[in-house]
Amino acid sequence: MTLYLLNSPVLTDYGLWRYSGPLDPGQARKIAASGFVSAVGHPGAAELLQEILRQKVDASRRRVNIAPGETALVLRVKTRLPEGAVLDKATLSDLDWELSLLERVE
C-alpha cells in the first residue's frame, strides 16, 4: 500500500478515517523508511520533512486519492497561517507543528 506525505491533514474522499499522533521524528522515519509518494505542495514544508525523515522529499502539488488501506504521514502546522502565506524551512521550523498519521480505514 502507498504511503503519502502531506503538509496538512486532508480527507481525500468519503470513508472511514483514523487520525493518530503526534509522532516523534524517529517514529516518522520508521514509517517512511520503505518509501513514500510526496504530495507536499510547499518547498519549505518539503525541506523540513526532508530534514526530519533524513530522506529526499520533493515538493509536489499532485492531487492524491488515498484508498482504503493507505496512509499519509502528515506535517501539521498547529498555527493558523495568514492567507496566502508561503513559508520557508527556517520560518516553518520555528512554528508549532507536529507529525501525525492519517489512515483510510474504509
PDB file of N, CA and C in Angstrom:
ATOM      1  N   MET A   1       0.835  -1.187   0.000  1.00  0.00           N
ATOM      2  CA  MET A   1       0.000   0.000   0.000  1.00  0.00           C
ATOM      3  C   MET A   1       0.882   1.253   0.000  1.00  0.00           C
ATOM      4  N   THR A   2       0.349   2.298  -0.530  1.00  0.00           N
ATOM      5  CA  THR A   2       1.088   3.545  -0.678  1.00  0.00           C
ATOM      6  C   THR A   2       1.064   4.367   0.609  1.00  0.00           C
ATOM      7  N   LEU A   3       2.202   4.959   0.925  1.00  0.00           N
ATOM      8  CA  LEU A   3       2.309   5.954   1.986  1.00  0.00           C
ATOM      9  C   LEU A   3       2.510   7.302   1.306  1.00  0.00           C
ATOM     10  N   TYR A   4       1.667   8.251   1.638  1.00  0.00           N
ATOM     11  CA  TYR A   4       1.783   9.602   1.105  1.00  0.00           C
ATOM     12  C   TYR A   4       2.370  10.523   2.162  1.00  0.00           C
ATOM     13  N   LEU A   5       3.039  11.568   1.726  1.00  0.00           N
ATOM     14  CA  LEU A   5       3.445  12.660   2.613  1.00  0.00           C
ATOM     15  C   LEU A   5       2.565  13.851   2.287  1.00  0.00           C
ATOM     16  N   LEU A   6       1.985  14.447   3.324  1.00  0.00           N
ATOM     17  CA  LEU A   6       1.117  15.611   3.163  1.00  0.00           C
ATOM     18  C   LEU A   6       1.568  16.725   4.094  1.00  0.00           C
ATOM     19  N   ASN A   7       1.296  17.972   3.712  1.00  0.00           N
ATOM     20  CA  ASN A   7       1.618  19.091   4.589  1.00  0.00           C
ATOM     21  C   ASN A   7       0.380  19.629   5.306  1.00  0.00           C
ATOM     22  N   SER A   8      -0.704  18.877   5.277  1.00  0.00           N
ATOM     23  CA  SER A   8      -1.880  19.159   6.103  1.00  0.00           C
ATOM     24  C   SER A   8      -2.763  17.915   6.075  1.00  0.00           C
ATOM     25  N   PRO A   9      -3.522  17.693   7.134  1.00  0.00           N
ATOM     26  CA  PRO A   9      -4.425  16.538   7.123  1.00  0.00           C
ATOM     27  C   PRO A   9      -5.645  16.854   6.266  1.00  0.00           C
ATOM     28  N   VAL A  10      -5.852  16.058   5.248  1.00  0.00           N
ATOM     29  CA  VAL A  10      -6.980  16.299   4.342  1.00  0.00           C
ATOM     30  C   VAL A  10      -7.628  14.956   4.007  1.00  0.00           C
ATOM     31  N   LEU A  11      -8.955  14.919   4.109  1.00  0.00           N
ATOM     32  CA  LEU A  11      -9.705  13.734   3.721  1.00  0.00           C
ATOM     33  C   LEU A  11      -9.920  13.818   2.223  1.00  0.00           C
ATOM     34  N   THR A  12      -9.396  12.861   1.490  1.00  0.00           N
ATOM     35  CA  THR A  12      -9.420  12.937   0.033  1.00  0.00           C
ATOM     36  C   THR A  12     -10.673  12.333  -0.582  1.00  0.00           C
ATOM     37  N   ASP A  13     -11.513  11.716   0.232  1.00  0.00           N
ATOM     38  CA  ASP A  13     -12.748  11.111  -0.266  1.00  0.00           C
ATOM     39  C   ASP A  13     -13.605  10.754   0.942  1.00  0.00           C
ATOM     40  N   TYR A  14     -14.834  10.359   0.674  1.00  0.00           N
ATOM     41  CA  TYR A  14     -15.696   9.879   1.744  1.00  0.00           C
ATOM     42  C   TYR A  14     -15.172   8.538   2.227  1.00  0.00           C
ATOM     43  N   GLY A  15     -15.403   8.224   3.488  1.00  0.00           N
ATOM     44  CA  GLY A  15     -14.971   6.945   4.016  1.00  0.00           C
ATOM     45  C   GLY A  15     -14.755   7.041   5.517  1.00  0.00           C
ATOM     46  N   LEU A  16     -14.180   6.003   6.046  1.00  0.00           N
ATOM     47  CA  LEU A  16     -13.856   5.937   7.462  1.00  0.00           C
ATOM     48  C   LEU A  16     -12.355   6.165   7.609  1.00  0.00           C
ATOM     49  N   TRP A  17     -11.996   7.125   8.454  1.00  0.00           N
ATOM     50  CA  TRP A  17     -10.605   7.543   8.611  1.00  0.00           C
ATOM     51  C   TRP A  17     -10.181   7.435  10.069  1.00  0.00           C
ATOM     52  N   ARG A  18      -8.869   7.243  10.282  1.00  0.00           N
ATOM     53  CA  ARG A  18      -8.285   7.287  11.627  1.00  0.00           C
ATOM     54  C   ARG A  18      -7.112   8.277  11.562  1.00  0.00           C
ATOM     55  N   TYR A  19      -7.105   9.194  12.495  1.00  0.00           N
ATOM     56  CA  TYR A  19      -6.051  10.213  12.556  1.00  0.00           C
ATOM     57  C   TYR A  19      -5.381  10.085  13.915  1.00  0.00           C
ATOM     58  N   SER A  20      -4.104   9.752  13.918  1.00  0.00           N
ATOM     59  CA  SER A  20      -3.418   9.484  15.188  1.00  0.00           C
ATOM     60  C   SER A  20      -2.095  10.233  15.258  1.00  0.00           C
ATOM     61  N   GLY A  21      -1.660  10.420  16.481  1.00  0.00           N
ATOM     62  CA  GLY A  21      -0.407  11.122  16.705  1.00  0.00           C
ATOM     63  C   GLY A  21      -0.454  11.802  18.043  1.00  0.00           C
ATOM     64  N   PRO A  22       0.440  12.654  18.330  1.00  0.00           N
ATOM     65  CA  PRO A  22       1.568  13.004  17.469  1.00  0.00           C
ATOM     66  C   PRO A  22       2.617  11.899  17.426  1.00  0.00           C
ATOM     67  N   LEU A  23       3.412  11.927  16.366  1.00  0.00           N
ATOM     68  CA  LEU A  23       4.533  11.006  16.194  1.00  0.00           C
ATOM     69  C   LEU A  23       5.819  11.756  16.464  1.00  0.00           C
ATOM     70  N   ASP A  24       6.793  11.073  17.025  1.00  0.00           N
ATOM     71  CA  ASP A  24       8.100  11.705  17.143  1.00  0.00           C
ATOM     72  C   ASP A  24       8.875  11.446  15.843  1.00  0.00           C
ATOM     73  N   PRO A  25       9.932  12.198  15.584  1.00  0.00           N
ATOM     74  CA  PRO A  25      10.665  12.039  14.329  1.00  0.00           C
ATOM     75  C   PRO A  25      11.164  10.609  14.077  1.00  0.00           C
ATOM     76  N   GLY A  26      11.574   9.916  15.129  1.00  0.00           N
ATOM     77  CA  GLY A  26      12.029   8.536  14.958  1.00  0.00           C
ATOM     78  C   GLY A  26      10.919   7.632  14.458  1.00  0.00           C
ATOM     79  N   GLN A  27       9.722   7.780  14.995  1.00  0.00           N
ATOM     80  CA  GLN A  27       8.579   7.000  14.521  1.00  0.00           C
ATOM     81  C   GLN A  27       8.275   7.326  13.061  1.00  0.00           C
ATOM     82  N   ALA A  28       8.321   8.605  12.725  1.00  0.00           N
ATOM     83  CA  ALA A  28       8.051   9.020  11.346  1.00  0.00           C
ATOM     84  C   ALA A  28       9.095   8.439  10.395  1.00  0.00           C
ATOM     85  N   ARG A  29      10.357   8.414  10.796  1.00  0.00           N
ATOM     86  CA  ARG A  29      11.408   7.845   9.953  1.00  0.00           C
ATOM     87  C   ARG A  29      11.162   6.358   9.693  1.00  0.00           C
ATOM     88  N   LYS A  30      10.753   5.632  10.729  1.00  0.00           N
ATOM     89  CA  LYS A  30      10.466   4.205  10.559  1.00  0.00           C
ATOM     90  C   LYS A  30       9.308   3.992   9.592  1.00  0.00           C
ATOM     91  N   ILE A  31       8.268   4.790   9.727  1.00  0.00           N
ATOM     92  CA  ILE A  31       7.099   4.663   8.845  1.00  0.00           C
ATOM     93  C   ILE A  31       7.487   4.962   7.399  1.00  0.00           C
ATOM     94  N   ALA A  32       8.344   5.952   7.199  1.00  0.00           N
ATOM     95  CA  ALA A  32       8.717   6.384   5.845  1.00  0.00           C
ATOM     96  C   ALA A  32       9.885   5.594   5.255  1.00  0.00           C
ATOM     97  N   ALA A  33      10.475   4.706   6.030  1.00  0.00           N
ATOM     98  CA  ALA A  33      11.688   4.005   5.592  1.00  0.00           C
ATOM     99  C   ALA A  33      11.488   3.176   4.328  1.00  0.00           C
ATOM    100  N   SER A  34      10.296   2.671   4.100  1.00  0.00           N
ATOM    101  CA  SER A  34      10.039   1.816   2.929  1.00  0.00           C
ATOM    102  C   SER A  34       9.650   2.607   1.694  1.00  0.00           C
ATOM    103  N   GLY A  35       9.632   3.925   1.811  1.00  0.00           N
ATOM    104  CA  GLY A  35       9.316   4.765   0.661  1.00  0.00           C
ATOM    105  C   GLY A  35       7.956   5.438   0.790  1.00  0.00           C
ATOM    106  N   PHE A  36       7.746   6.446  -0.031  1.00  0.00           N
ATOM    107  CA  PHE A  36       6.536   7.255   0.038  1.00  0.00           C
ATOM    108  C   PHE A  36       6.356   8.012  -1.268  1.00  0.00           C
ATOM    109  N   VAL A  37       5.179   8.564  -1.411  1.00  0.00           N
ATOM    110  CA  VAL A  37       4.861   9.464  -2.523  1.00  0.00           C
ATOM    111  C   VAL A  37       4.633  10.837  -1.907  1.00  0.00           C
ATOM    112  N   SER A  38       5.409  11.811  -2.325  1.00  0.00           N
ATOM    113  CA  SER A  38       5.263  13.155  -1.777  1.00  0.00           C
ATOM    114  C   SER A  38       4.129  13.899  -2.463  1.00  0.00           C
ATOM    115  N   ALA A  39       3.224  14.417  -1.640  1.00  0.00           N
ATOM    116  CA  ALA A  39       2.184  15.334  -2.096  1.00  0.00           C
ATOM    117  C   ALA A  39       2.275  16.597  -1.247  1.00  0.00           C
ATOM    118  N   VAL A  40       3.500  16.932  -0.882  1.00  0.00           N
ATOM    119  CA  VAL A  40       3.785  18.124  -0.085  1.00  0.00           C
ATOM    120  C   VAL A  40       3.903  19.286  -1.062  1.00  0.00           C
ATOM    121  N   GLY A  41       2.964  20.198  -0.995  1.00  0.00           N
ATOM    122  CA  GLY A  41       2.863  21.225  -2.009  1.00  0.00           C
ATOM    123  C   GLY A  41       3.746  22.436  -1.827  1.00  0.00           C
ATOM    124  N   HIS A  42       4.418  22.556  -0.706  1.00  0.00           N
ATOM    125  CA  HIS A  42       5.209  23.757  -0.441  1.00  0.00           C
ATOM    126  C   HIS A  42       6.676  23.392  -0.224  1.00  0.00           C
ATOM    127  N   PRO A  43       7.588  24.070  -0.922  1.00  0.00           N
ATOM    128  CA  PRO A  43       9.009  23.743  -0.804  1.00  0.00           C
ATOM    129  C   PRO A  43       9.541  23.806   0.632  1.00  0.00           C
ATOM    130  N   GLY A  44       9.112  24.788   1.416  1.00  0.00           N
ATOM    131  CA  GLY A  44       9.587  24.884   2.805  1.00  0.00           C
ATOM    132  C   GLY A  44       9.196  23.667   3.625  1.00  0.00           C
ATOM    133  N   ALA A  45       7.962  23.199   3.444  1.00  0.00           N
ATOM    134  CA  ALA A  45       7.497  22.005   4.158  1.00  0.00           C
ATOM    135  C   ALA A  45       8.247  20.771   3.676  1.00  0.00           C
ATOM    136  N   ALA A  46       8.507  20.679   2.374  1.00  0.00           N
ATOM    137  CA  ALA A  46       9.265  19.545   1.839  1.00  0.00           C
ATOM    138  C   ALA A  46      10.676  19.530   2.412  1.00  0.00           C
ATOM    139  N   GLU A  47      11.302  20.698   2.517  1.00  0.00           N
ATOM    140  CA  GLU A  47      12.656  20.779   3.081  1.00  0.00           C
ATOM    141  C   GLU A  47      12.667  20.382   4.549  1.00  0.00           C
ATOM    142  N   LEU A  48      11.670  20.823   5.306  1.00  0.00           N
ATOM    143  CA  LEU A  48      11.595  20.451   6.722  1.00  0.00           C
ATOM    144  C   LEU A  48      11.382  18.947   6.862  1.00  0.00           C
ATOM    145  N   LEU A  49      10.486  18.369   6.078  1.00  0.00           N
ATOM    146  CA  LEU A  49      10.271  16.921   6.136  1.00  0.00           C
ATOM    147  C   LEU A  49      11.520  16.153   5.703  1.00  0.00           C
ATOM    148  N   GLN A  50      12.228  16.670   4.735  1.00  0.00           N
ATOM    149  CA  GLN A  50      13.473  16.032   4.299  1.00  0.00           C
ATOM    150  C   GLN A  50      14.470  15.972   5.453  1.00  0.00           C
ATOM    151  N   GLU A  51      14.559  17.051   6.202  1.00  0.00           N
ATOM    152  CA  GLU A  51      15.454  17.078   7.365  1.00  0.00           C
ATOM    153  C   GLU A  51      14.992  16.095   8.443  1.00  0.00           C
ATOM    154  N   ILE A  52      13.709  16.069   8.714  1.00  0.00           N
ATOM    155  CA  ILE A  52      13.156  15.190   9.745  1.00  0.00           C
ATOM    156  C   ILE A  52      13.314  13.722   9.361  1.00  0.00           C
ATOM    157  N   LEU A  53      12.951  13.388   8.112  1.00  0.00           N
ATOM    158  CA  LEU A  53      12.939  11.992   7.677  1.00  0.00           C
ATOM    159  C   LEU A  53      14.293  11.483   7.231  1.00  0.00           C
ATOM    160  N   ARG A  54      15.226  12.411   6.987  1.00  0.00           N
ATOM    161  CA  ARG A  54      16.569  12.060   6.513  1.00  0.00           C
ATOM    162  C   ARG A  54      16.509  11.322   5.184  1.00  0.00           C
ATOM    163  N   GLN A  55      15.548  11.760   4.362  1.00  0.00           N
ATOM    164  CA  GLN A  55      15.370  11.247   3.002  1.00  0.00           C
ATOM    165  C   GLN A  55      14.994  12.414   2.103  1.00  0.00           C
ATOM    166  N   LYS A  56      15.252  12.258   0.819  1.00  0.00           N
ATOM    167  CA  LYS A  56      14.872  13.307  -0.129  1.00  0.00           C
ATOM    168  C   LYS A  56      13.352  13.398  -0.202  1.00  0.00           C
ATOM    169  N   VAL A  57      12.830  14.614  -0.070  1.00  0.00           N
ATOM    170  CA  VAL A  57      11.397  14.875  -0.186  1.00  0.00           C
ATOM    171  C   VAL A  57      11.215  15.991  -1.207  1.00  0.00           C
ATOM    172  N   ASP A  58      10.576  15.659  -2.302  1.00  0.00           N
ATOM    173  CA  ASP A  58      10.307  16.655  -3.336  1.00  0.00           C
ATOM    174  C   ASP A  58       9.004  17.377  -3.043  1.00  0.00           C
ATOM    175  N   ALA A  59       8.976  18.659  -3.356  1.00  0.00           N
ATOM    176  CA  ALA A  59       7.710  19.396  -3.308  1.00  0.00           C
ATOM    177  C   ALA A  59       6.911  19.001  -4.539  1.00  0.00           C
ATOM    178  N   SER A  60       5.653  18.667  -4.328  1.00  0.00           N
ATOM    179  CA  SER A  60       4.803  18.233  -5.421  1.00  0.00           C
ATOM    180  C   SER A  60       3.362  18.603  -5.104  1.00  0.00           C
ATOM    181  N   ARG A  61       2.728  19.312  -5.995  1.00  0.00           N
ATOM    182  CA  ARG A  61       1.346  19.723  -5.780  1.00  0.00           C
ATOM    183  C   ARG A  61       0.375  18.715  -6.395  1.00  0.00           C
ATOM    184  N   ARG A  62       0.819  17.464  -6.455  1.00  0.00           N
ATOM    185  CA  ARG A  62      -0.031  16.416  -7.026  1.00  0.00           C
ATOM    186  C   ARG A  62      -1.283  16.210  -6.192  1.00  0.00           C
ATOM    187  N   ARG A  63      -2.342  15.856  -6.848  1.00  0.00           N
ATOM    188  CA  ARG A  63      -3.592  15.514  -6.173  1.00  0.00           C
ATOM    189  C   ARG A  63      -3.541  14.032  -5.850  1.00  0.00           C
ATOM    190  N   VAL A  64      -3.890  13.679  -4.632  1.00  0.00           N
ATOM    191  CA  VAL A  64      -3.898  12.272  -4.246  1.00  0.00           C
ATOM    192  C   VAL A  64      -5.305  11.850  -3.864  1.00  0.00           C
ATOM    193  N   ASN A  65      -5.571  10.587  -4.051  1.00  0.00           N
ATOM    194  CA  ASN A  65      -6.809   9.989  -3.595  1.00  0.00           C
ATOM    195  C   ASN A  65      -6.401   8.785  -2.754  1.00  0.00           C
ATOM    196  N   ILE A  66      -6.409   8.970  -1.451  1.00  0.00           N
ATOM    197  CA  ILE A  66      -5.980   7.913  -0.545  1.00  0.00           C
ATOM    198  C   ILE A  66      -7.054   6.830  -0.542  1.00  0.00           C
ATOM    199  N   ALA A  67      -6.647   5.627  -0.895  1.00  0.00           N
ATOM    200  CA  ALA A  67      -7.569   4.495  -0.989  1.00  0.00           C
ATOM    201  C   ALA A  67      -7.644   3.775   0.355  1.00  0.00           C
ATOM    202  N   PRO A  68      -8.711   2.997   0.571  1.00  0.00           N
ATOM    203  CA  PRO A  68      -8.787   2.203   1.796  1.00  0.00           C
ATOM    204  C   PRO A  68      -7.528   1.351   1.969  1.00  0.00           C
ATOM    205  N   GLY A  69      -6.989   1.366   3.173  1.00  0.00           N
ATOM    206  CA  GLY A  69      -5.763   0.641   3.474  1.00  0.00           C
ATOM    207  C   GLY A  69      -4.497   1.467   3.307  1.00  0.00           C
ATOM    208  N   GLU A  70      -4.604   2.641   2.698  1.00  0.00           N
ATOM    209  CA  GLU A  70      -3.430   3.500   2.518  1.00  0.00           C
ATOM    210  C   GLU A  70      -3.351   4.531   3.637  1.00  0.00           C
ATOM    211  N   THR A  71      -2.165   5.097   3.788  1.00  0.00           N
ATOM    212  CA  THR A  71      -1.922   6.045   4.874  1.00  0.00           C
ATOM    213  C   THR A  71      -1.174   7.267   4.356  1.00  0.00           C
ATOM    214  N   ALA A  72      -1.192   8.297   5.184  1.00  0.00           N
ATOM    215  CA  ALA A  72      -0.420   9.506   4.897  1.00  0.00           C
ATOM    216  C   ALA A  72       0.290   9.942   6.169  1.00  0.00           C
ATOM    217  N   LEU A  73       1.540  10.265   6.032  1.00  0.00           N
ATOM    218  CA  LEU A  73       2.310  10.884   7.093  1.00  0.00           C
ATOM    219  C   LEU A  73       2.135  12.384   6.910  1.00  0.00           C
ATOM    220  N   VAL A  74       1.665  13.052   7.952  1.00  0.00           N
ATOM    221  CA  VAL A  74       1.242  14.448   7.833  1.00  0.00           C
ATOM    222  C   VAL A  74       2.112  15.360   8.693  1.00  0.00           C
ATOM    223  N   LEU A  75       2.594  16.432   8.086  1.00  0.00           N
ATOM    224  CA  LEU A  75       3.209  17.537   8.816  1.00  0.00           C
ATOM    225  C   LEU A  75       2.102  18.560   9.031  1.00  0.00           C
ATOM    226  N   ARG A  76       1.676  18.708  10.272  1.00  0.00           N
ATOM    227  CA  ARG A  76       0.556  19.607  10.575  1.00  0.00           C
ATOM    228  C   ARG A  76       1.058  20.815  11.341  1.00  0.00           C
ATOM    229  N   VAL A  77       0.904  21.980  10.747  1.00  0.00           N
ATOM    230  CA  VAL A  77       1.220  23.231  11.435  1.00  0.00           C
ATOM    231  C   VAL A  77       0.042  23.533  12.349  1.00  0.00           C
ATOM    232  N   LYS A  78       0.331  23.751  13.624  1.00  0.00           N
ATOM    233  CA  LYS A  78      -0.727  23.911  14.621  1.00  0.00           C
ATOM    234  C   LYS A  78      -1.151  25.366  14.799  1.00  0.00           C
ATOM    235  N   THR A  79      -0.665  26.218  13.946  1.00  0.00           N
ATOM    236  CA  THR A  79      -0.978  27.645  13.991  1.00  0.00           C
ATOM    237  C   THR A  79      -1.715  28.025  12.712  1.00  0.00           C
ATOM    238  N   ARG A  80      -2.696  28.884  12.840  1.00  0.00           N
ATOM    239  CA  ARG A  80      -3.400  29.384  11.649  1.00  0.00           C
ATOM    240  C   ARG A  80      -2.483  30.381  10.948  1.00  0.00           C
ATOM    241  N   LEU A  81      -2.172  30.103   9.681  1.00  0.00           N
ATOM    242  CA  LEU A  81      -1.276  30.973   8.923  1.00  0.00           C
ATOM    243  C   LEU A  81      -2.071  32.078   8.245  1.00  0.00           C
ATOM    244  N   PRO A  82      -1.432  33.210   8.002  1.00  0.00           N
ATOM    245  CA  PRO A  82      -2.113  34.277   7.260  1.00  0.00           C
ATOM    246  C   PRO A  82      -2.453  33.792   5.851  1.00  0.00           C
ATOM    247  N   GLU A  83      -3.523  34.324   5.301  1.00  0.00           N
ATOM    248  CA  GLU A  83      -3.943  33.939   3.958  1.00  0.00           C
ATOM    249  C   GLU A  83      -2.814  34.145   2.961  1.00  0.00           C
ATOM    250  N   GLY A  84      -2.578  33.119   2.160  1.00  0.00           N
ATOM    251  CA  GLY A  84      -1.558  33.205   1.115  1.00  0.00           C
ATOM    252  C   GLY A  84      -0.129  33.069   1.594  1.00  0.00           C
ATOM    253  N   ALA A  85       0.078  32.765   2.860  1.00  0.00           N
ATOM    254  CA  ALA A  85       1.439  32.662   3.401  1.00  0.00           C
ATOM    255  C   ALA A  85       2.168  31.474   2.786  1.00  0.00           C
ATOM    256  N   VAL A  86       3.384  31.709   2.349  1.00  0.00           N
ATOM    257  CA  VAL A  86       4.269  30.659   1.876  1.00  0.00           C
ATOM    258  C   VAL A  86       5.529  30.776   2.719  1.00  0.00           C
ATOM    259  N   LEU A  87       5.805  29.734   3.504  1.00  0.00           N
ATOM    260  CA  LEU A  87       6.884  29.801   4.479  1.00  0.00           C
ATOM    261  C   LEU A  87       8.087  28.993   4.029  1.00  0.00           C
ATOM    262  N   ASP A  88       9.264  29.535   4.320  1.00  0.00           N
ATOM    263  CA  ASP A  88      10.470  28.766   4.048  1.00  0.00           C
ATOM    264  C   ASP A  88      10.734  27.821   5.225  1.00  0.00           C
ATOM    265  N   LYS A  89      11.714  26.951   5.052  1.00  0.00           N
ATOM    266  CA  LYS A  89      12.006  25.941   6.070  1.00  0.00           C
ATOM    267  C   LYS A  89      12.343  26.562   7.416  1.00  0.00           C
ATOM    268  N   ALA A  90      13.146  27.599   7.436  1.00  0.00           N
ATOM    269  CA  ALA A  90      13.560  28.224   8.701  1.00  0.00           C
ATOM    270  C   ALA A  90      12.361  28.785   9.458  1.00  0.00           C
ATOM    271  N   THR A  91      11.485  29.473   8.763  1.00  0.00           N
ATOM    272  CA  THR A  91      10.294  30.049   9.404  1.00  0.00           C
ATOM    273  C   THR A  91       9.367  28.942   9.886  1.00  0.00           C
ATOM    274  N   LEU A  92       9.161  27.937   9.045  1.00  0.00           N
ATOM    275  CA  LEU A  92       8.297  26.817   9.396  1.00  0.00           C
ATOM    276  C   LEU A  92       8.834  26.061  10.611  1.00  0.00           C
ATOM    277  N   SER A  93      10.133  25.899  10.674  1.00  0.00           N
ATOM    278  CA  SER A  93      10.758  25.192  11.806  1.00  0.00           C
ATOM    279  C   SER A  93      10.464  25.865  13.132  1.00  0.00           C
ATOM    280  N   ASP A  94      10.317  27.179  13.114  1.00  0.00           N
ATOM    281  CA  ASP A  94      10.073  27.936  14.347  1.00  0.00           C
ATOM    282  C   ASP A  94       8.614  27.907  14.797  1.00  0.00           C
ATOM    283  N   LEU A  95       7.709  27.445  13.939  1.00  0.00           N
ATOM    284  CA  LEU A  95       6.296  27.389  14.301  1.00  0.00           C
ATOM    285  C   LEU A  95       5.997  26.127  15.106  1.00  0.00           C
ATOM    286  N   ASP A  96       4.826  26.113  15.707  1.00  0.00           N
ATOM    287  CA  ASP A  96       4.355  24.939  16.435  1.00  0.00           C
ATOM    288  C   ASP A  96       3.786  23.949  15.412  1.00  0.00           C
ATOM    289  N   TRP A  97       4.418  22.795  15.268  1.00  0.00           N
ATOM    290  CA  TRP A  97       3.982  21.787  14.314  1.00  0.00           C
ATOM    291  C   TRP A  97       4.120  20.412  14.937  1.00  0.00           C
ATOM    292  N   GLU A  98       3.481  19.437  14.287  1.00  0.00           N
ATOM    293  CA  GLU A  98       3.603  18.052  14.739  1.00  0.00           C
ATOM    294  C   GLU A  98       3.484  17.125  13.544  1.00  0.00           C
ATOM    295  N   LEU A  99       3.912  15.893  13.750  1.00  0.00           N
ATOM    296  CA  LEU A  99       3.768  14.833  12.757  1.00  0.00           C
ATOM    297  C   LEU A  99       2.641  13.917  13.190  1.00  0.00           C
ATOM    298  N   SER A 100       1.880  13.428  12.237  1.00  0.00           N
ATOM    299  CA  SER A 100       0.754  12.551  12.558  1.00  0.00           C
ATOM    300  C   SER A 100       0.553  11.566  11.416  1.00  0.00           C
ATOM    301  N   LEU A 101      -0.345  10.611  11.656  1.00  0.00           N
ATOM    302  CA  LEU A 101      -0.638   9.585  10.664  1.00  0.00           C
ATOM    303  C   LEU A 101      -2.132   9.597  10.362  1.00  0.00           C
ATOM    304  N   LEU A 102      -2.456   9.703   9.085  1.00  0.00           N
ATOM    305  CA  LEU A 102      -3.833   9.674   8.613  1.00  0.00           C
ATOM    306  C   LEU A 102      -4.030   8.377   7.839  1.00  0.00           C
ATOM    307  N   GLU A 103      -4.970   7.551   8.290  1.00  0.00           N
ATOM    308  CA  GLU A 103      -5.202   6.260   7.661  1.00  0.00           C
ATOM    309  C   GLU A 103      -6.628   6.174   7.134  1.00  0.00           C
ATOM    310  N   ARG A 104      -6.773   5.710   5.907  1.00  0.00           N
ATOM    311  CA  ARG A 104      -8.106   5.462   5.353  1.00  0.00           C
ATOM    312  C   ARG A 104      -8.461   4.019   5.680  1.00  0.00           C
ATOM    313  N   VAL A 105      -9.439   3.839   6.551  1.00  0.00           N
ATOM    314  CA  VAL A 105      -9.833   2.517   7.008  1.00  0.00           C
ATOM    315  C   VAL A 105     -10.768   1.859   5.998  1.00  0.00           C
ATOM    316  N   GLU A 106     -11.788   2.595   5.565  1.00  0.00           N
ATOM    317  CA  GLU A 106     -12.753   2.073   4.566  1.00  0.00           C
ATOM    318  C   GLU A 106     -13.043   3.133   3.525  1.00  0.00           C
TER     319      GLU A 106
END
